[in-house]
Amino acid sequence: LLIWQLTFTECRSTIRHMWTRWPTSILANGWVDYKPLGAPLRGTWFLPVKLPIPWHKSQHIPPPLRFTETDLIEACRYFGSQLVCVIDLTYTNYYDPAVIDEVREKFPTGLIAVHCTHGINRTGYLICRYLIDHLDWPPEDALEEFALARGYGIERENFLQDLRSRK
């Protein structure tokens, strides 16, 4: 699990650090077929996004299709907040929910960006699971709100079944 707790001035250099292991084949995996980000989930601090690609590795992507770390930072500003944490699920399936609580305590008004490659399945699962397990949301409400905020619902049936089996 890769997690960065950020202040606004640290965002650019810290997010660039995420790309030391970035695969060049990511675009062949349907990355361009998805919108870059959704909106923060209503009543939460979660911002679901797809994998931001660093500027220096995105030059071959047509400008309207690019989504860079700078775009992510600017999106947070657009939503009237700042990026305080990035949860990168690209290379992992696990997160420690205590980290989210810790970030919320330190940065109560900041946004937590969560991403996997497309920002849908692992991203949606993490967010929905947190909402269900820690904020007592009904599973269907969490799934509906994620789909509304991200613009896409979770597609993997095993994730959907697990989330719906809770509470």
N, C-alpha and C. Protein backbone atom coordinates (compact mmCIF):
# COMPACT_ATOMS: atom_id res chain seq x y z
N LEU A 1 0.85 -1.18 0.00
CA LEU A 1 0.00 0.00 0.00
C LEU A 1 0.89 1.23 0.00
N LEU A 2 0.61 2.12 -0.91
CA LEU A 2 1.36 3.35 -0.99
C LEU A 2 0.46 4.49 -0.54
N ILE A 3 0.82 5.15 0.54
CA ILE A 3 0.01 6.24 1.06
C ILE A 3 0.92 7.42 1.34
N TRP A 4 0.47 8.59 0.92
CA TRP A 4 1.22 9.80 1.19
C TRP A 4 0.31 10.77 1.90
N GLN A 5 0.77 11.30 3.02
CA GLN A 5 0.05 12.36 3.69
C GLN A 5 0.73 13.65 3.25
N LEU A 6 -0.07 14.54 2.71
CA LEU A 6 0.50 15.69 2.03
C LEU A 6 -0.01 17.00 2.59
N THR A 7 0.82 18.01 2.54
CA THR A 7 0.34 19.37 2.65
C THR A 7 0.30 19.89 1.23
N PHE A 8 -0.38 20.97 1.01
CA PHE A 8 -0.57 21.45 -0.36
C PHE A 8 0.75 21.69 -1.09
N THR A 9 1.72 22.28 -0.41
CA THR A 9 2.99 22.57 -1.06
C THR A 9 3.81 21.34 -1.36
N GLU A 10 3.54 20.23 -0.67
CA GLU A 10 4.28 18.99 -0.90
C GLU A 10 3.69 18.14 -2.01
N CYS A 11 2.49 18.46 -2.46
CA CYS A 11 1.76 17.58 -3.39
C CYS A 11 2.54 17.25 -4.64
N ARG A 12 3.02 18.25 -5.36
CA ARG A 12 3.64 17.99 -6.66
C ARG A 12 4.84 17.04 -6.56
N SER A 13 5.76 17.32 -5.67
CA SER A 13 6.94 16.47 -5.60
C SER A 13 6.61 15.09 -5.04
N THR A 14 5.67 15.01 -4.12
CA THR A 14 5.33 13.72 -3.54
C THR A 14 4.62 12.83 -4.54
N ILE A 15 3.69 13.38 -5.30
CA ILE A 15 2.97 12.58 -6.28
C ILE A 15 3.92 12.11 -7.36
N ARG A 16 4.88 12.92 -7.75
CA ARG A 16 5.86 12.47 -8.76
C ARG A 16 6.59 11.22 -8.28
N HIS A 17 6.79 11.10 -6.98
CA HIS A 17 7.47 9.94 -6.42
C HIS A 17 6.72 8.64 -6.69
N MET A 18 5.40 8.72 -6.89
CA MET A 18 4.59 7.53 -7.12
C MET A 18 5.00 6.79 -8.39
N TRP A 19 5.68 7.46 -9.27
CA TRP A 19 5.88 6.91 -10.61
C TRP A 19 7.16 6.14 -10.79
N THR A 20 7.85 5.81 -9.75
CA THR A 20 9.09 5.05 -9.91
C THR A 20 8.83 3.65 -10.43
N ARG A 21 7.61 3.12 -10.21
CA ARG A 21 7.29 1.77 -10.66
C ARG A 21 6.21 1.76 -11.74
N TRP A 22 5.91 2.89 -12.33
CA TRP A 22 4.80 3.00 -13.27
C TRP A 22 5.05 2.20 -14.54
N PRO A 23 4.10 1.32 -14.94
CA PRO A 23 4.28 0.52 -16.15
C PRO A 23 3.91 1.31 -17.41
N THR A 24 4.70 1.18 -18.44
CA THR A 24 4.43 1.90 -19.68
C THR A 24 3.26 1.30 -20.44
N SER A 25 2.82 0.12 -20.07
CA SER A 25 1.72 -0.53 -20.77
C SER A 25 0.34 -0.13 -20.24
N ILE A 26 0.29 0.80 -19.30
CA ILE A 26 -0.97 1.14 -18.66
C ILE A 26 -2.01 1.62 -19.66
N LEU A 27 -1.59 2.33 -20.69
CA LEU A 27 -2.55 2.86 -21.66
C LEU A 27 -3.17 1.76 -22.49
N ALA A 28 -2.47 0.67 -22.67
CA ALA A 28 -3.02 -0.46 -23.43
C ALA A 28 -4.09 -1.19 -22.64
N ASN A 29 -4.24 -0.86 -21.39
CA ASN A 29 -5.17 -1.55 -20.50
C ASN A 29 -6.51 -0.82 -20.38
N GLY A 30 -6.86 0.05 -21.33
CA GLY A 30 -8.14 0.74 -21.31
C GLY A 30 -8.18 2.00 -20.47
N TRP A 31 -7.04 2.48 -20.03
CA TRP A 31 -6.98 3.66 -19.17
C TRP A 31 -7.68 4.86 -19.80
N VAL A 32 -7.50 5.07 -21.10
CA VAL A 32 -8.09 6.25 -21.76
C VAL A 32 -9.60 6.16 -21.89
N ASP A 33 -10.17 5.00 -21.67
CA ASP A 33 -11.62 4.82 -21.83
C ASP A 33 -12.43 5.35 -20.65
N TYR A 34 -11.77 5.74 -19.59
CA TYR A 34 -12.48 6.18 -18.39
C TYR A 34 -12.20 7.65 -18.10
N LYS A 35 -13.23 8.34 -17.56
CA LYS A 35 -13.05 9.72 -17.12
C LYS A 35 -11.96 9.75 -16.05
N PRO A 36 -11.23 10.84 -15.96
CA PRO A 36 -10.14 10.92 -14.98
C PRO A 36 -10.59 10.80 -13.53
N LEU A 37 -11.68 11.46 -13.19
CA LEU A 37 -12.09 11.48 -11.80
C LEU A 37 -13.57 11.73 -11.69
N GLY A 38 -14.07 11.45 -10.52
CA GLY A 38 -15.44 11.77 -10.21
C GLY A 38 -15.46 13.02 -9.35
N ALA A 39 -16.43 13.08 -8.49
CA ALA A 39 -16.53 14.16 -7.52
C ALA A 39 -16.34 13.53 -6.14
N PRO A 40 -16.04 14.34 -5.14
CA PRO A 40 -15.98 13.77 -3.80
C PRO A 40 -17.32 13.12 -3.45
N LEU A 41 -17.26 11.98 -2.79
CA LEU A 41 -18.50 11.32 -2.39
C LEU A 41 -19.23 12.20 -1.39
N ARG A 42 -20.51 12.35 -1.60
CA ARG A 42 -21.35 13.20 -0.76
C ARG A 42 -21.14 12.87 0.72
N GLY A 43 -20.85 13.90 1.49
CA GLY A 43 -20.69 13.73 2.92
C GLY A 43 -19.40 13.08 3.36
N THR A 44 -18.46 12.90 2.42
CA THR A 44 -17.18 12.29 2.77
C THR A 44 -16.03 13.12 2.23
N TRP A 45 -14.85 12.62 2.42
CA TRP A 45 -13.62 13.26 1.97
C TRP A 45 -12.95 12.44 0.88
N PHE A 46 -13.62 11.39 0.38
CA PHE A 46 -13.05 10.51 -0.65
C PHE A 46 -13.26 11.08 -2.04
N LEU A 47 -12.20 11.09 -2.83
CA LEU A 47 -12.26 11.49 -4.23
C LEU A 47 -11.77 10.32 -5.07
N PRO A 48 -12.67 9.62 -5.77
CA PRO A 48 -12.24 8.49 -6.60
C PRO A 48 -11.67 8.98 -7.93
N VAL A 49 -10.48 8.49 -8.27
CA VAL A 49 -9.82 8.91 -9.51
C VAL A 49 -9.16 7.70 -10.17
N LYS A 50 -8.88 7.84 -11.46
CA LYS A 50 -8.07 6.81 -12.11
C LYS A 50 -6.61 7.19 -11.90
N LEU A 51 -5.73 6.30 -12.26
CA LEU A 51 -4.30 6.50 -12.09
C LEU A 51 -3.83 7.77 -12.80
N PRO A 52 -3.34 8.78 -12.07
CA PRO A 52 -2.77 9.96 -12.74
C PRO A 52 -1.40 9.59 -13.31
N ILE A 53 -1.15 10.04 -14.51
CA ILE A 53 0.12 9.72 -15.17
C ILE A 53 1.01 10.95 -15.12
N PRO A 54 2.26 10.80 -14.74
CA PRO A 54 3.14 11.97 -14.61
C PRO A 54 3.31 12.67 -15.96
N TRP A 55 3.46 13.98 -15.85
CA TRP A 55 3.58 14.81 -17.05
C TRP A 55 4.64 14.27 -18.00
N HIS A 56 5.81 13.94 -17.50
CA HIS A 56 6.90 13.50 -18.37
C HIS A 56 6.63 12.17 -19.05
N LYS A 57 5.65 11.41 -18.55
CA LYS A 57 5.31 10.14 -19.19
C LYS A 57 4.01 10.24 -19.98
N SER A 58 3.40 11.41 -20.01
CA SER A 58 2.11 11.55 -20.68
C SER A 58 2.19 12.36 -21.97
N GLN A 59 3.39 12.69 -22.41
CA GLN A 59 3.52 13.53 -23.59
C GLN A 59 2.94 12.90 -24.85
N HIS A 60 2.92 11.58 -24.92
CA HIS A 60 2.38 10.91 -26.11
C HIS A 60 0.86 10.75 -26.04
N ILE A 61 0.24 11.15 -24.94
CA ILE A 61 -1.22 11.09 -24.81
C ILE A 61 -1.80 12.40 -25.32
N PRO A 62 -2.81 12.37 -26.18
CA PRO A 62 -3.42 13.62 -26.65
C PRO A 62 -3.90 14.45 -25.45
N PRO A 63 -3.68 15.76 -25.46
CA PRO A 63 -4.02 16.61 -24.31
C PRO A 63 -5.42 16.41 -23.73
N PRO A 64 -6.46 16.25 -24.55
CA PRO A 64 -7.78 16.07 -23.93
C PRO A 64 -7.92 14.77 -23.13
N LEU A 65 -7.04 13.81 -23.37
CA LEU A 65 -7.12 12.52 -22.69
C LEU A 65 -6.16 12.40 -21.51
N ARG A 66 -5.28 13.37 -21.33
CA ARG A 66 -4.30 13.31 -20.24
C ARG A 66 -4.96 13.49 -18.88
N PHE A 67 -4.36 12.85 -17.90
CA PHE A 67 -4.71 13.08 -16.50
C PHE A 67 -3.42 12.95 -15.71
N THR A 68 -2.91 14.06 -15.24
CA THR A 68 -1.61 14.10 -14.57
C THR A 68 -1.79 14.41 -13.08
N GLU A 69 -0.68 14.34 -12.36
CA GLU A 69 -0.71 14.69 -10.94
C GLU A 69 -1.11 16.15 -10.75
N THR A 70 -0.73 17.02 -11.67
CA THR A 70 -1.13 18.42 -11.60
C THR A 70 -2.64 18.56 -11.75
N ASP A 71 -3.22 17.78 -12.67
CA ASP A 71 -4.67 17.80 -12.84
C ASP A 71 -5.38 17.37 -11.56
N LEU A 72 -4.84 16.39 -10.87
CA LEU A 72 -5.43 15.93 -9.62
C LEU A 72 -5.40 17.03 -8.56
N ILE A 73 -4.29 17.69 -8.43
CA ILE A 73 -4.16 18.79 -7.46
C ILE A 73 -5.14 19.91 -7.80
N GLU A 74 -5.23 20.26 -9.09
CA GLU A 74 -6.14 21.31 -9.52
C GLU A 74 -7.60 20.92 -9.29
N ALA A 75 -7.93 19.65 -9.49
CA ALA A 75 -9.30 19.18 -9.25
C ALA A 75 -9.68 19.38 -7.79
N CYS A 76 -8.75 19.10 -6.90
CA CYS A 76 -9.03 19.29 -5.47
C CYS A 76 -9.30 20.76 -5.17
N ARG A 77 -8.55 21.64 -5.79
CA ARG A 77 -8.80 23.08 -5.64
C ARG A 77 -10.19 23.43 -6.16
N TYR A 78 -10.55 22.87 -7.31
CA TYR A 78 -11.86 23.11 -7.91
C TYR A 78 -12.97 22.72 -6.93
N PHE A 79 -12.77 21.65 -6.20
CA PHE A 79 -13.76 21.19 -5.23
C PHE A 79 -13.67 21.96 -3.91
N GLY A 80 -12.83 22.99 -3.86
CA GLY A 80 -12.73 23.83 -2.68
C GLY A 80 -11.94 23.23 -1.55
N SER A 81 -11.03 22.35 -1.87
CA SER A 81 -10.24 21.69 -0.83
C SER A 81 -8.81 21.50 -1.31
N GLN A 82 -8.06 20.73 -0.58
CA GLN A 82 -6.71 20.39 -1.00
C GLN A 82 -6.50 18.89 -0.84
N LEU A 83 -5.58 18.38 -1.61
CA LEU A 83 -5.23 16.97 -1.56
C LEU A 83 -4.36 16.74 -0.33
N VAL A 84 -4.80 15.85 0.56
CA VAL A 84 -4.01 15.59 1.77
C VAL A 84 -3.50 14.16 1.84
N CYS A 85 -4.03 13.28 1.00
CA CYS A 85 -3.58 11.90 1.02
C CYS A 85 -3.93 11.24 -0.31
N VAL A 86 -3.05 10.37 -0.78
CA VAL A 86 -3.30 9.56 -1.97
C VAL A 86 -3.17 8.10 -1.56
N ILE A 87 -4.21 7.34 -1.80
CA ILE A 87 -4.17 5.90 -1.56
C ILE A 87 -4.05 5.24 -2.92
N ASP A 88 -2.91 4.64 -3.18
CA ASP A 88 -2.59 4.02 -4.47
C ASP A 88 -2.79 2.52 -4.36
N LEU A 89 -3.82 2.02 -5.02
CA LEU A 89 -4.13 0.58 -5.00
C LEU A 89 -3.67 -0.10 -6.28
N THR A 90 -2.85 0.56 -7.06
CA THR A 90 -2.43 0.01 -8.35
C THR A 90 -1.69 -1.31 -8.18
N TYR A 91 -0.88 -1.43 -7.15
CA TYR A 91 -0.06 -2.63 -6.96
C TYR A 91 -0.38 -3.39 -5.69
N THR A 92 -1.57 -3.16 -5.13
CA THR A 92 -1.92 -3.84 -3.89
C THR A 92 -3.43 -4.00 -3.79
N ASN A 93 -3.86 -4.87 -2.95
CA ASN A 93 -5.28 -5.06 -2.69
C ASN A 93 -5.63 -4.79 -1.23
N TYR A 94 -4.70 -4.29 -0.44
CA TYR A 94 -4.92 -4.12 0.98
C TYR A 94 -4.71 -2.67 1.39
N TYR A 95 -5.45 -2.24 2.38
CA TYR A 95 -5.21 -0.95 3.01
C TYR A 95 -5.50 -1.08 4.49
N ASP A 96 -4.92 -0.22 5.26
CA ASP A 96 -5.16 -0.20 6.70
C ASP A 96 -6.14 0.94 6.97
N PRO A 97 -7.38 0.64 7.32
CA PRO A 97 -8.37 1.70 7.53
C PRO A 97 -7.98 2.69 8.62
N ALA A 98 -7.10 2.30 9.52
CA ALA A 98 -6.66 3.23 10.57
C ALA A 98 -5.93 4.42 9.97
N VAL A 99 -5.30 4.23 8.83
CA VAL A 99 -4.59 5.33 8.17
C VAL A 99 -5.58 6.41 7.75
N ILE A 100 -6.73 6.00 7.23
CA ILE A 100 -7.74 6.98 6.83
C ILE A 100 -8.20 7.78 8.03
N ASP A 101 -8.45 7.11 9.14
CA ASP A 101 -8.86 7.81 10.35
C ASP A 101 -7.78 8.80 10.81
N GLU A 102 -6.54 8.38 10.74
CA GLU A 102 -5.43 9.25 11.14
C GLU A 102 -5.34 10.49 10.25
N VAL A 103 -5.48 10.29 8.96
CA VAL A 103 -5.43 11.43 8.02
C VAL A 103 -6.59 12.37 8.28
N ARG A 104 -7.77 11.83 8.50
CA ARG A 104 -8.95 12.66 8.77
C ARG A 104 -8.76 13.49 10.04
N GLU A 105 -8.12 12.90 11.02
CA GLU A 105 -7.88 13.62 12.27
C GLU A 105 -6.90 14.78 12.05
N LYS A 106 -5.85 14.54 11.28
CA LYS A 106 -4.83 15.57 11.04
C LYS A 106 -5.28 16.62 10.03
N PHE A 107 -6.06 16.21 9.03
CA PHE A 107 -6.46 17.11 7.94
C PHE A 107 -7.97 17.00 7.74
N PRO A 108 -8.77 17.55 8.63
CA PRO A 108 -10.22 17.32 8.58
C PRO A 108 -10.93 17.88 7.35
N THR A 109 -10.37 18.84 6.67
CA THR A 109 -11.05 19.41 5.51
C THR A 109 -10.44 19.00 4.18
N GLY A 110 -9.41 18.18 4.21
CA GLY A 110 -8.74 17.78 2.97
C GLY A 110 -9.40 16.60 2.29
N LEU A 111 -9.02 16.39 1.03
CA LEU A 111 -9.53 15.27 0.24
C LEU A 111 -8.52 14.13 0.21
N ILE A 112 -9.05 12.93 0.23
CA ILE A 112 -8.25 11.72 0.10
C ILE A 112 -8.56 11.13 -1.27
N ALA A 113 -7.59 11.19 -2.17
CA ALA A 113 -7.76 10.60 -3.49
C ALA A 113 -7.46 9.11 -3.39
N VAL A 114 -8.32 8.31 -3.98
CA VAL A 114 -8.13 6.86 -4.00
C VAL A 114 -8.10 6.43 -5.45
N HIS A 115 -7.08 5.65 -5.82
CA HIS A 115 -7.03 5.19 -7.20
C HIS A 115 -6.44 3.80 -7.34
N CYS A 116 -6.90 3.13 -8.37
CA CYS A 116 -6.27 1.93 -8.91
C CYS A 116 -6.02 2.30 -10.37
N THR A 117 -5.96 1.38 -11.28
CA THR A 117 -5.70 1.75 -12.66
C THR A 117 -6.82 2.61 -13.24
N HIS A 118 -8.05 2.13 -13.16
CA HIS A 118 -9.18 2.84 -13.74
C HIS A 118 -10.01 3.62 -12.72
N GLY A 119 -9.73 3.41 -11.45
CA GLY A 119 -10.47 4.11 -10.41
C GLY A 119 -11.88 3.58 -10.21
N ILE A 120 -12.07 2.29 -10.48
CA ILE A 120 -13.42 1.74 -10.38
C ILE A 120 -13.50 0.57 -9.40
N ASN A 121 -12.90 -0.54 -9.71
CA ASN A 121 -13.13 -1.74 -8.91
C ASN A 121 -12.44 -1.73 -7.55
N ARG A 122 -11.12 -1.72 -7.51
CA ARG A 122 -10.43 -1.69 -6.21
C ARG A 122 -10.69 -0.38 -5.49
N THR A 123 -10.74 0.72 -6.25
CA THR A 123 -11.04 2.02 -5.66
C THR A 123 -12.43 2.01 -5.04
N GLY A 124 -13.41 1.54 -5.80
CA GLY A 124 -14.78 1.49 -5.29
C GLY A 124 -14.92 0.56 -4.10
N TYR A 125 -14.24 -0.57 -4.17
CA TYR A 125 -14.31 -1.52 -3.06
C TYR A 125 -13.75 -0.89 -1.78
N LEU A 126 -12.59 -0.28 -1.86
CA LEU A 126 -12.00 0.33 -0.67
C LEU A 126 -12.93 1.39 -0.09
N ILE A 127 -13.41 2.29 -0.94
CA ILE A 127 -14.27 3.37 -0.46
C ILE A 127 -15.56 2.81 0.13
N CYS A 128 -16.23 1.94 -0.60
CA CYS A 128 -17.50 1.38 -0.11
C CYS A 128 -17.30 0.57 1.17
N ARG A 129 -16.25 -0.19 1.21
CA ARG A 129 -15.97 -1.00 2.40
C ARG A 129 -15.76 -0.10 3.62
N TYR A 130 -15.03 1.00 3.44
CA TYR A 130 -14.83 1.93 4.55
C TYR A 130 -16.16 2.54 4.98
N LEU A 131 -16.97 2.96 4.02
CA LEU A 131 -18.26 3.57 4.35
C LEU A 131 -19.15 2.59 5.11
N ILE A 132 -19.15 1.33 4.69
CA ILE A 132 -19.98 0.31 5.33
C ILE A 132 -19.45 -0.06 6.71
N ASP A 133 -18.16 -0.35 6.79
CA ASP A 133 -17.57 -0.85 8.04
C ASP A 133 -17.33 0.22 9.09
N HIS A 134 -16.99 1.43 8.66
CA HIS A 134 -16.58 2.45 9.63
C HIS A 134 -17.58 3.59 9.79
N LEU A 135 -18.43 3.80 8.79
CA LEU A 135 -19.40 4.89 8.89
C LEU A 135 -20.84 4.37 8.90
N ASP A 136 -20.99 3.05 8.95
CA ASP A 136 -22.30 2.40 9.07
C ASP A 136 -23.27 2.71 7.93
N TRP A 137 -22.73 2.88 6.74
CA TRP A 137 -23.61 3.07 5.58
C TRP A 137 -24.20 1.72 5.18
N PRO A 138 -25.46 1.69 4.73
CA PRO A 138 -25.99 0.46 4.14
C PRO A 138 -25.23 0.16 2.84
N PRO A 139 -24.96 -1.10 2.54
CA PRO A 139 -24.18 -1.43 1.35
C PRO A 139 -24.72 -0.83 0.05
N GLU A 140 -26.02 -0.89 -0.16
CA GLU A 140 -26.57 -0.36 -1.41
C GLU A 140 -26.39 1.15 -1.50
N ASP A 141 -26.48 1.85 -0.38
CA ASP A 141 -26.25 3.30 -0.39
C ASP A 141 -24.80 3.61 -0.75
N ALA A 142 -23.87 2.85 -0.19
CA ALA A 142 -22.45 3.06 -0.49
C ALA A 142 -22.18 2.81 -1.96
N LEU A 143 -22.70 1.71 -2.49
CA LEU A 143 -22.49 1.39 -3.91
C LEU A 143 -23.11 2.45 -4.82
N GLU A 144 -24.30 2.88 -4.49
CA GLU A 144 -24.98 3.90 -5.29
C GLU A 144 -24.23 5.23 -5.26
N GLU A 145 -23.80 5.62 -4.08
CA GLU A 145 -23.09 6.90 -3.95
C GLU A 145 -21.74 6.86 -4.66
N PHE A 146 -21.04 5.72 -4.58
CA PHE A 146 -19.78 5.60 -5.30
C PHE A 146 -20.02 5.74 -6.81
N ALA A 147 -20.99 5.01 -7.33
CA ALA A 147 -21.28 5.07 -8.77
C ALA A 147 -21.67 6.48 -9.20
N LEU A 148 -22.44 7.16 -8.39
CA LEU A 148 -22.84 8.53 -8.70
C LEU A 148 -21.63 9.46 -8.71
N ALA A 149 -20.78 9.35 -7.69
CA ALA A 149 -19.63 10.24 -7.58
C ALA A 149 -18.57 9.95 -8.64
N ARG A 150 -18.26 8.70 -8.88
CA ARG A 150 -17.21 8.34 -9.84
C ARG A 150 -17.69 8.39 -11.28
N GLY A 151 -18.99 8.15 -11.48
CA GLY A 151 -19.51 8.11 -12.85
C GLY A 151 -19.52 6.70 -13.43
N TYR A 152 -19.05 5.75 -12.65
CA TYR A 152 -19.03 4.33 -13.03
C TYR A 152 -19.24 3.53 -11.75
N GLY A 153 -19.98 2.45 -11.88
CA GLY A 153 -20.16 1.57 -10.74
C GLY A 153 -19.10 0.48 -10.73
N ILE A 154 -18.96 -0.17 -9.59
CA ILE A 154 -18.06 -1.31 -9.48
C ILE A 154 -18.54 -2.39 -10.45
N GLU A 155 -17.61 -2.97 -11.20
CA GLU A 155 -17.96 -3.96 -12.22
C GLU A 155 -17.72 -5.39 -11.78
N ARG A 156 -16.79 -5.63 -10.89
CA ARG A 156 -16.43 -7.00 -10.51
C ARG A 156 -17.47 -7.60 -9.56
N GLU A 157 -18.03 -8.71 -10.00
CA GLU A 157 -19.10 -9.35 -9.25
C GLU A 157 -18.65 -9.80 -7.86
N ASN A 158 -17.41 -10.29 -7.73
CA ASN A 158 -16.94 -10.73 -6.41
C ASN A 158 -16.87 -9.57 -5.42
N PHE A 159 -16.50 -8.38 -5.89
CA PHE A 159 -16.49 -7.21 -5.01
C PHE A 159 -17.92 -6.83 -4.61
N LEU A 160 -18.83 -6.84 -5.59
CA LEU A 160 -20.22 -6.49 -5.32
C LEU A 160 -20.85 -7.46 -4.32
N GLN A 161 -20.61 -8.74 -4.51
CA GLN A 161 -21.17 -9.74 -3.60
C GLN A 161 -20.65 -9.56 -2.18
N ASP A 162 -19.35 -9.32 -2.06
CA ASP A 162 -18.77 -9.14 -0.73
C ASP A 162 -19.35 -7.92 -0.04
N LEU A 163 -19.44 -6.81 -0.76
CA LEU A 163 -19.96 -5.58 -0.16
C LEU A 163 -21.43 -5.74 0.24
N ARG A 164 -22.20 -6.38 -0.61
CA ARG A 164 -23.64 -6.56 -0.32
C ARG A 164 -23.88 -7.53 0.84
N SER A 165 -22.90 -8.36 1.14
CA SER A 165 -23.06 -9.33 2.24
C SER A 165 -22.80 -8.72 3.61
N ARG A 166 -22.35 -7.49 3.65
CA ARG A 166 -22.01 -6.83 4.92
C ARG A 166 -23.23 -6.13 5.50
N LYS A 167 -23.43 -6.27 6.79
CA LYS A 167 -24.51 -5.66 7.58
C LYS A 167 -25.86 -6.09 7.07
